Every structure is written in C-alpha cells, then in structure tokens.
C-alpha cells in the first residue's frame, strides 16, 4: 500500500473507530473511493466493536451468576481495541488489532 493511499484515507479510517455508527459512516464514505487502507480499518473496527458487544454480554451473564462485580470491567474490551486501532489508523499503520484482528 503506497503512502498516497494511506494519506487519502486516514481521516475516514479514524472515523471508523468512533463507535459502531462511525464504522457504518466510514463504510458508506468509502464506497465511492474504495480505498484499501480505509477498507482494512473498517474491518478491524467492526471486529473491535463486535468483540466488545460479545464480551460485554458474557461479562454481564457471569456477573449475574457469580456476583463478581469486577467482571464488569470487561465491558471496556471493545473500547480498548478501538483505541488501539484508531491509533494505528492515525499513525498510518496497517496493523491488526490484538486478539481478534485475524478473525474473519
């Protein structure tokens, strides 16, 4: 991927990490340009937010059954992954997010 492609898509790639709605907005913004850098980061952002939803659901179920309130901190997993991905997009890197970047 050349530097010009990265520079053109950097803003849209960063938008993709701003909530799940930002991912959808970035997807529709990139439909016309079809920038590979943005496409990569949209996929990573989608993985981050879906992981966050799944982990939050599992944590809430575990809290219900075990009563261990500290498990509630797992609800921030998606946010942490999105921040890591957003930093990668801001720095123009094409790096997968930890743990779930290879899924799908």
Protein backbone atom coordinates (compact mmCIF):
# COMPACT_ATOMS: atom_id res chain seq x y z
CA UNK A 1 0.00 0.00 0.00
CA UNK A 2 1.52 3.32 -1.03
CA UNK A 3 1.72 6.43 1.14
CA UNK A 4 -0.72 8.34 -1.08
CA UNK A 5 -3.46 5.78 -0.45
CA UNK A 6 -2.82 5.96 3.30
CA UNK A 7 -2.86 9.77 3.35
CA UNK A 8 -6.10 9.95 1.36
CA UNK A 9 -7.93 7.51 3.63
CA UNK A 10 -6.53 8.42 7.03
CA UNK A 11 -9.47 10.58 8.18
CA UNK A 12 -12.09 8.06 7.10
CA UNK A 13 -10.13 5.24 8.74
CA UNK A 14 -10.07 7.14 12.03
CA UNK A 15 -13.83 7.79 11.79
CA UNK A 16 -14.41 4.06 11.52
CA UNK A 17 -13.25 3.60 15.12
CA UNK A 18 -15.65 6.21 16.57
CA UNK A 19 -18.48 3.91 17.72
CA UNK A 20 -20.27 1.36 15.59
CA UNK A 21 -22.16 4.17 13.85
CA UNK A 22 -18.82 5.69 12.86
CA UNK A 23 -17.92 2.36 11.27
CA UNK A 24 -21.09 2.48 9.18
CA UNK A 25 -20.46 6.11 8.20
CA UNK A 26 -16.89 5.26 7.14
CA UNK A 27 -18.20 2.30 5.13
CA UNK A 28 -20.58 4.47 3.13
CA UNK A 29 -17.99 7.24 2.74
CA UNK A 30 -15.53 4.71 1.31
CA UNK A 31 -17.97 3.10 -1.13
CA UNK A 32 -17.14 5.58 -3.89
CA UNK A 33 -13.36 5.81 -3.32
CA UNK A 34 -12.77 2.13 -2.46
CA UNK A 35 -9.57 2.96 -0.54
CA UNK A 36 -7.77 -0.21 0.65
CA UNK A 37 -6.40 1.48 3.80
CA UNK A 38 -9.90 2.52 4.86
CA UNK A 39 -11.32 -0.89 3.98
CA UNK A 40 -8.74 -2.58 6.22
CA UNK A 41 -9.51 -0.30 9.16
CA UNK A 42 -13.27 -0.64 8.72
CA UNK A 43 -12.84 -4.41 9.06
CA UNK A 44 -10.68 -4.00 12.15
CA UNK A 45 -13.14 -1.54 13.72
CA UNK A 46 -16.02 -3.91 13.07
CA UNK A 47 -14.10 -6.70 14.79
CA UNK A 48 -13.38 -4.44 17.78
CA UNK A 49 -16.99 -3.35 18.26
CA UNK A 50 -18.47 -6.83 17.77
CA UNK A 51 -15.93 -8.24 20.24
CA UNK A 52 -16.93 -5.53 22.69
CA UNK A 53 -20.61 -6.44 22.40
CA UNK A 54 -19.97 -10.16 22.85
CA UNK A 55 -17.59 -9.73 25.79
CA UNK A 56 -20.00 -7.29 27.49
CA UNK A 57 -22.85 -9.78 27.17
CA UNK A 58 -20.74 -12.64 28.55
CA UNK A 59 -19.46 -10.47 31.41
CA UNK A 60 -23.00 -9.44 32.38
CA UNK A 61 -24.14 -13.07 32.41
CA UNK A 62 -21.15 -14.06 34.54
CA UNK A 63 -21.83 -11.21 36.95
CA UNK A 64 -25.43 -12.36 37.25
CA UNK A 65 -24.44 -15.91 38.14
CA UNK A 66 -21.28 -15.32 40.17
CA UNK A 67 -21.87 -11.90 41.69
CA UNK A 68 -18.28 -10.84 40.96
CA UNK A 69 -18.71 -7.19 40.03
CA UNK A 70 -15.11 -6.82 38.88
CA UNK A 71 -16.03 -8.71 35.73
CA UNK A 72 -17.84 -5.54 34.67
CA UNK A 73 -14.52 -4.06 33.58
CA UNK A 74 -14.52 -6.46 30.64
CA UNK A 75 -17.19 -4.28 29.04
CA UNK A 76 -14.41 -1.90 28.04
CA UNK A 77 -12.68 -4.51 25.85
CA UNK A 78 -14.21 -3.18 22.62
CA UNK A 79 -13.30 0.39 23.51
CA UNK A 80 -9.69 -0.56 24.24
CA UNK A 81 -9.41 -2.44 20.94
CA UNK A 82 -10.96 0.51 19.09
CA UNK A 83 -8.49 2.93 20.67
CA UNK A 84 -5.58 0.72 19.62
CA UNK A 85 -6.95 0.52 16.08
CA UNK A 86 -7.62 4.26 15.97
CA UNK A 87 -4.05 4.97 16.98
CA UNK A 88 -2.83 2.64 14.23
CA UNK A 89 -5.04 4.47 11.70
CA UNK A 90 -3.86 7.86 12.91
CA UNK A 91 -0.23 6.81 12.52
CA UNK A 92 -0.84 5.36 9.05
CA UNK A 93 -0.10 1.79 10.12
CA UNK A 94 -1.70 -1.32 8.66
CA UNK A 95 -1.54 -3.45 11.81
CA UNK A 96 -4.19 -5.82 13.07
CA UNK A 97 -5.70 -5.23 16.49
CA UNK A 98 -4.68 -7.70 19.21
CA UNK A 99 -6.55 -10.96 19.80
CA UNK A 100 -9.30 -10.57 17.18
CA UNK A 101 -7.54 -8.90 14.24
CA UNK A 102 -7.15 -12.20 12.39
CA UNK A 103 -10.73 -13.42 12.84
CA UNK A 104 -12.89 -13.45 9.73
